[in-house]
Protein backbone atom coordinates (compact mmCIF):
# COMPACT_ATOMS: atom_id res chain seq x y z
CA UNK A 1 -66.74 -27.69 3.97
CA UNK A 2 -63.20 -27.56 5.35
CA UNK A 3 -62.64 -26.60 8.98
CA UNK A 4 -59.63 -24.32 9.15
CA UNK A 5 -56.80 -23.72 11.59
CA UNK A 6 -54.43 -20.80 11.00
CA UNK A 7 -51.15 -20.94 12.93
CA UNK A 8 -49.63 -17.52 13.53
CA UNK A 9 -51.70 -14.44 14.40
CA UNK A 10 -49.57 -11.82 12.69
CA UNK A 11 -50.76 -9.64 9.81
CA UNK A 12 -50.99 -12.50 7.33
CA UNK A 13 -52.51 -15.08 9.66
CA UNK A 14 -55.11 -12.68 11.02
CA UNK A 15 -56.22 -11.68 7.54
CA UNK A 16 -56.35 -15.26 6.26
CA UNK A 17 -58.44 -16.28 9.27
CA UNK A 18 -60.82 -13.37 8.74
CA UNK A 19 -61.11 -14.04 4.99
CA UNK A 20 -62.11 -17.63 5.77
CA UNK A 21 -64.65 -16.54 8.40
CA UNK A 22 -66.15 -13.94 6.06
CA UNK A 23 -66.90 -16.81 3.69
CA UNK A 24 -68.59 -18.97 6.29
CA UNK A 25 -65.74 -21.22 7.44
CA UNK A 26 -65.13 -22.20 11.05
CA UNK A 27 -61.62 -20.97 11.86
CA UNK A 28 -59.29 -21.44 14.82
CA UNK A 29 -56.51 -18.85 15.02
CA UNK A 30 -53.53 -19.98 17.09
CA UNK A 31 -50.43 -18.22 18.36
CA UNK A 32 -48.03 -18.65 21.27
CA UNK A 33 -48.24 -14.89 21.94
CA UNK A 34 -51.23 -13.56 23.87
CA UNK A 35 -50.38 -10.08 22.63
CA UNK A 36 -50.60 -11.25 19.00
CA UNK A 37 -53.97 -12.89 19.64
CA UNK A 38 -55.28 -9.77 21.38
CA UNK A 39 -54.15 -7.63 18.44
CA UNK A 40 -55.87 -10.01 16.05
CA UNK A 41 -59.14 -9.75 17.99
CA UNK A 42 -58.94 -5.95 17.93
CA UNK A 43 -58.20 -6.05 14.21
CA UNK A 44 -61.28 -8.18 13.52
CA UNK A 45 -63.50 -5.63 15.26
CA UNK A 46 -61.85 -2.65 13.59
CA UNK A 47 -61.97 -4.13 10.09
CA UNK A 48 -65.58 -5.28 10.31
CA UNK A 49 -66.72 -1.95 11.76
CA UNK A 50 -64.95 -0.17 8.91
CA UNK A 51 -66.65 -2.33 6.29
CA UNK A 52 -70.03 -1.73 7.91
CA UNK A 53 -69.42 2.04 7.99
CA UNK A 54 -68.62 1.98 4.26
CA UNK A 55 -71.72 -0.07 3.47
CA UNK A 56 -69.65 -3.01 2.24
CA UNK A 57 -71.29 -5.50 4.60
CA UNK A 58 -74.52 -5.52 6.60
CA UNK A 59 -74.21 -4.77 10.31
CA UNK A 60 -75.83 -8.09 11.22
CA UNK A 61 -72.98 -9.96 9.51
CA UNK A 62 -70.39 -8.91 12.09
CA UNK A 63 -71.61 -11.17 14.93
CA UNK A 64 -71.95 -14.04 12.46
CA UNK A 65 -68.36 -13.62 11.28
CA UNK A 66 -66.98 -13.27 14.80
CA UNK A 67 -68.90 -16.39 15.79
CA UNK A 68 -66.88 -18.30 13.17
CA UNK A 69 -63.56 -17.04 14.56
CA UNK A 70 -62.08 -18.95 17.48
CA UNK A 71 -58.99 -17.58 19.22
CA UNK A 72 -56.97 -20.43 20.66
CA UNK A 73 -53.56 -20.42 22.33
CA UNK A 74 -53.50 -24.23 22.56
CA UNK A 75 -52.05 -25.72 19.36
CA UNK A 76 -53.51 -29.19 19.89
CA UNK A 77 -56.99 -27.79 20.45
CA UNK A 78 -56.70 -25.45 17.46
CA UNK A 79 -55.72 -28.11 14.92
CA UNK A 80 -57.35 -31.22 16.36
CA UNK A 81 -60.47 -31.11 14.20
CA UNK A 82 -59.11 -29.03 11.32
CA UNK A 83 -59.16 -30.42 7.80
CA UNK A 84 -57.12 -27.46 6.48
CA UNK A 85 -54.15 -26.11 8.47
CA UNK A 86 -52.41 -22.97 7.21
CA UNK A 87 -49.05 -22.04 8.77
CA UNK A 88 -48.10 -18.34 8.78
CA UNK A 89 -45.36 -18.16 11.43
CA UNK A 90 -41.98 -16.41 11.14
CA UNK A 91 -40.06 -17.06 7.90
CA UNK A 92 -37.50 -19.27 9.60
CA UNK A 93 -36.80 -22.77 8.32
CA UNK A 94 -36.03 -24.39 11.68
CA UNK A 95 -39.10 -22.86 13.33
CA UNK A 96 -41.32 -24.13 10.53
CA UNK A 97 -39.78 -27.61 10.60
CA UNK A 98 -40.38 -27.82 14.36
CA UNK A 99 -44.01 -26.77 13.90
CA UNK A 100 -44.63 -29.30 11.12
CA UNK A 101 -43.26 -32.08 13.33
CA UNK A 102 -45.89 -31.09 15.89
CA UNK A 103 -48.65 -30.83 13.30
CA UNK A 104 -47.78 -34.30 12.02
CA UNK A 105 -48.60 -35.70 15.46
CA UNK A 106 -51.61 -33.52 16.25
CA UNK A 107 -53.60 -33.31 12.99
CA UNK A 108 -56.13 -35.68 11.47
CA UNK A 109 -54.59 -38.06 8.90
CA UNK A 110 -56.41 -36.45 5.96
CA UNK A 111 -55.75 -32.84 6.99
CA UNK A 112 -53.96 -30.69 4.42
CA UNK A 113 -50.93 -28.95 5.94
CA UNK A 114 -50.23 -25.75 4.03
CA UNK A 115 -47.43 -23.25 4.52
CA UNK A 116 -47.94 -19.63 3.51
CA UNK A 117 -44.18 -19.31 2.90
CA UNK A 118 -43.22 -17.73 -0.40
CA UNK A 119 -39.68 -19.09 -0.33
CA UNK A 120 -39.47 -22.26 1.76
CA UNK A 121 -40.78 -25.14 -0.32
CA UNK A 122 -43.36 -27.50 1.11
CA UNK A 123 -41.30 -30.60 0.27
CA UNK A 124 -38.71 -29.49 2.87
CA UNK A 125 -41.42 -29.25 5.51
CA UNK A 126 -43.05 -32.49 4.36
CA UNK A 127 -39.76 -34.25 5.17
CA UNK A 128 -40.48 -33.51 8.84
CA UNK A 129 -43.75 -35.45 8.57
CA UNK A 130 -44.92 -38.85 7.36
CA UNK A 131 -47.60 -37.29 5.13
CA UNK A 132 -45.82 -35.79 2.12
CA UNK A 133 -48.97 -36.34 0.05
CA UNK A 134 -50.80 -33.73 2.16
CA UNK A 135 -48.21 -30.92 2.49
CA UNK A 136 -48.37 -27.95 0.10
CA UNK A 137 -47.54 -24.28 -0.26
CA UNK A 138 -50.55 -21.98 -0.18
CA UNK A 139 -49.07 -18.53 -0.66
CA UNK A 140 -51.41 -15.61 -0.01
CA UNK A 141 -50.51 -12.01 -0.80
CA UNK A 142 -50.58 -9.05 1.56
CA UNK A 143 -53.08 -7.51 2.15
CA UNK A 144 -54.96 -10.81 2.01
CA UNK A 145 -58.35 -9.11 2.34
CA UNK A 146 -57.74 -7.15 -0.87
CA UNK A 147 -55.39 -9.34 -2.95
CA UNK A 148 -57.21 -12.13 -4.76
CA UNK A 149 -54.31 -14.35 -5.82
CA UNK A 150 -53.12 -17.50 -4.03
CA UNK A 151 -50.15 -19.49 -5.36
CA UNK A 152 -50.68 -23.19 -4.68
CA UNK A 153 -47.53 -25.30 -5.04
CA UNK A 154 -47.95 -29.08 -5.05
CA UNK A 155 -45.24 -31.49 -6.17
CA UNK A 156 -45.90 -34.83 -7.85
CA UNK A 157 -46.13 -36.59 -4.46
CA UNK A 158 -49.36 -34.66 -3.81
CA UNK A 159 -52.23 -36.51 -5.54
CA UNK A 160 -54.75 -34.81 -7.79
CA UNK A 161 -57.60 -35.11 -5.26
CA UNK A 162 -55.60 -33.16 -2.64
CA UNK A 163 -54.62 -30.54 -5.21
CA UNK A 164 -58.27 -30.14 -6.19
CA UNK A 165 -59.28 -29.79 -2.53
CA UNK A 166 -56.74 -27.00 -2.09
CA UNK A 167 -57.81 -25.19 -5.25
CA UNK A 168 -61.49 -25.47 -4.35
CA UNK A 169 -60.79 -24.17 -0.86
CA UNK A 170 -59.17 -21.06 -2.33
CA UNK A 171 -62.17 -20.49 -4.57
CA UNK A 172 -64.56 -21.08 -1.65
CA UNK A 173 -62.93 -18.25 0.31
CA UNK A 174 -63.29 -15.97 -2.74
CA UNK A 175 -59.68 -16.16 -3.84
CA UNK A 176 -58.17 -17.04 -7.23
CA UNK A 177 -55.62 -19.88 -7.16
CA UNK A 178 -52.84 -20.61 -9.62
CA UNK A 179 -51.21 -24.04 -9.55
CA UNK A 180 -47.43 -24.60 -9.64
CA UNK A 181 -46.45 -28.25 -10.06
CA UNK A 182 -42.64 -27.88 -9.77
CA UNK A 183 -40.97 -26.16 -6.85
CA UNK A 184 -38.80 -23.11 -7.39
CA UNK A 185 -37.89 -20.49 -4.76
CA UNK A 186 -40.11 -17.44 -5.03
CA UNK A 187 -42.74 -19.19 -7.20
CA UNK A 188 -44.25 -16.96 -9.93
CA UNK A 189 -45.05 -13.51 -8.62
CA UNK A 190 -42.06 -13.02 -6.34
CA UNK A 191 -39.59 -14.17 -8.98
CA UNK A 192 -40.96 -11.65 -11.44
CA UNK A 193 -41.09 -8.99 -8.71
CA UNK A 194 -37.50 -9.70 -7.65
CA UNK A 195 -36.29 -9.19 -11.21
CA UNK A 196 -38.11 -5.85 -11.27
CA UNK A 197 -36.84 -4.72 -7.86
CA UNK A 198 -33.29 -5.86 -8.62
CA UNK A 199 -33.19 -3.49 -11.58
CA UNK A 200 -34.96 -0.72 -9.63
CA UNK A 201 -32.41 -0.93 -6.79
CA UNK A 202 -29.55 -0.99 -9.30
CA UNK A 203 -30.82 2.27 -10.81
CA UNK A 204 -31.20 3.77 -7.33
CA UNK A 205 -27.83 2.60 -5.95
CA UNK A 206 -25.95 3.97 -8.94
CA UNK A 207 -27.62 7.35 -8.76
CA UNK A 208 -29.59 7.18 -11.99
CA UNK A 209 -32.91 8.17 -10.36
CA UNK A 210 -34.56 8.61 -6.98
CA UNK A 211 -36.92 6.09 -5.37
CA UNK A 212 -39.77 8.51 -6.01
CA UNK A 213 -39.06 8.85 -9.73
CA UNK A 214 -38.50 5.12 -10.23
CA UNK A 215 -41.81 4.38 -8.48
CA UNK A 216 -43.53 7.05 -10.57
CA UNK A 217 -42.09 5.61 -13.78
CA UNK A 218 -43.31 2.11 -12.93
CA UNK A 219 -46.83 3.24 -11.98
CA UNK A 220 -47.27 5.58 -14.94
CA UNK A 221 -45.22 3.69 -17.52
CA UNK A 222 -46.04 0.08 -16.67
CA UNK A 223 -49.45 0.63 -15.10
CA UNK A 224 -48.55 -0.99 -11.77
CA UNK A 225 -50.72 0.14 -8.84
CA UNK A 226 -47.59 1.00 -6.81
CA UNK A 227 -43.89 1.24 -7.48
CA UNK A 228 -41.27 -1.32 -6.33
CA UNK A 229 -39.92 0.78 -3.45
CA UNK A 230 -43.38 1.52 -2.08
CA UNK A 231 -44.27 -2.16 -2.36
CA UNK A 232 -41.10 -3.29 -0.58
CA UNK A 233 -41.90 -0.87 2.25
CA UNK A 234 -45.45 -2.23 2.42
CA UNK A 235 -44.39 -5.89 2.40
CA UNK A 236 -41.47 -5.28 4.77
CA UNK A 237 -37.87 -4.66 3.78
CA UNK A 238 -36.87 -7.37 6.26
CA UNK A 239 -39.17 -9.90 4.59
CA UNK A 240 -37.84 -8.93 1.15
CA UNK A 241 -34.22 -9.23 2.31
CA UNK A 242 -34.68 -12.57 4.10
CA UNK A 243 -36.50 -14.11 1.13
CA UNK A 244 -33.69 -13.08 -1.21
CA UNK A 245 -31.02 -14.30 1.19
CA UNK A 246 -32.78 -17.63 1.58
CA UNK A 247 -32.96 -18.07 -2.19
CA UNK A 248 -29.28 -17.14 -2.53
CA UNK A 249 -28.30 -19.60 0.22
CA UNK A 250 -30.30 -22.34 -1.53
CA UNK A 251 -29.17 -21.74 -5.10
CA UNK A 252 -25.91 -19.81 -4.94
CA UNK A 253 -27.09 -17.88 -8.00
CA UNK A 254 -25.54 -14.43 -8.15
CA UNK A 255 -28.81 -12.93 -9.39
CA UNK A 256 -30.43 -14.02 -6.14
CA UNK A 257 -27.89 -12.26 -3.88
CA UNK A 258 -29.60 -9.49 -1.86
CA UNK A 259 -28.57 -6.03 -3.10
CA UNK A 260 -26.25 -4.02 -0.84
CA UNK A 261 -28.97 -1.47 -0.07
CA UNK A 262 -31.39 -4.15 1.16
CA UNK A 263 -28.73 -5.70 3.40
CA UNK A 264 -27.82 -2.33 4.92
CA UNK A 265 -31.46 -1.45 5.53
CA UNK A 266 -32.13 -4.84 7.08
CA UNK A 267 -29.22 -4.51 9.50
CA UNK A 268 -30.17 -0.94 10.45
CA UNK A 269 -33.81 -1.86 11.17
CA UNK A 270 -35.24 0.26 8.33
CA UNK A 271 -37.86 -2.40 7.63
CA UNK A 272 -40.50 -0.29 5.94
CA UNK A 273 -43.89 1.11 6.82
CA UNK A 274 -44.40 -1.10 9.88
CA UNK A 275 -41.50 0.59 11.68
CA UNK A 276 -42.00 4.06 10.20
CA UNK A 277 -38.98 4.10 7.89
CA UNK A 278 -37.76 2.20 4.87
CA UNK A 279 -37.12 3.63 1.44
CA UNK A 280 -39.60 6.29 2.59
CA UNK A 281 -40.50 7.61 6.04
CA UNK A 282 -43.97 7.25 7.50
CA UNK A 283 -45.67 9.28 10.25
CA UNK A 284 -46.24 7.21 13.36
CA UNK A 285 -49.56 7.16 15.21
CA UNK A 286 -48.85 9.24 18.32
CA UNK A 287 -51.48 7.32 20.28
CA UNK A 288 -49.39 4.17 19.87
């Protein structure tokens, strides 16, 4: 069984770590921010208590799961014995490159180094290491604890045995992997989603229909569980904008250029549900 290190204790990293622990893996969760690690610990308690209250897991499973989760602010200690390292830090190329240079020095030679990035390709990060055969994309979807899919991207430099390890790991944590053998920004799901949202924003910007009616049309007409504007708010308007901008900067393709509305919302801080306003407004918890 793989021993796992997750780097970055934000929403994605915390959920990936918990998903691994729920399936019996030993997991070290690392972050440079004590606040992020404290929030992750509180989230673990809250989520597990909620699942127990709903009868989804037995109460005696909580201490077992928490026993598998190790909070660690020391990067070297977190990754030293890990056979699977999953990076979930900020979607910034230079920050990721710097981290992968560190991981190259700190990790075991046979450790798989996976980035959760949906837009930065693993081959770019592999160039900062001397182990291109062990660097892949392993893209989880938010919320990780509910969304089953994982996009695994492995170029030809990654041998079949490493690909199979990655795919089996996804299955072992109760997730469904799909394999992409050629790199392309956005992979499968996000490229299809961007085409959908590009058209949705075009309809909205030009006054053809409101966000509410476009979302309603997509849910009722296409059978999607939520509309594109609701989903962008959930995922983060900032994340959506930066991913599009990164693809545009890489390819120069006009279809990849972020729509005017996304750019304006990004600059104004209307980043979606996490800040209380995006395409929709959200009531804030007064206690916070």
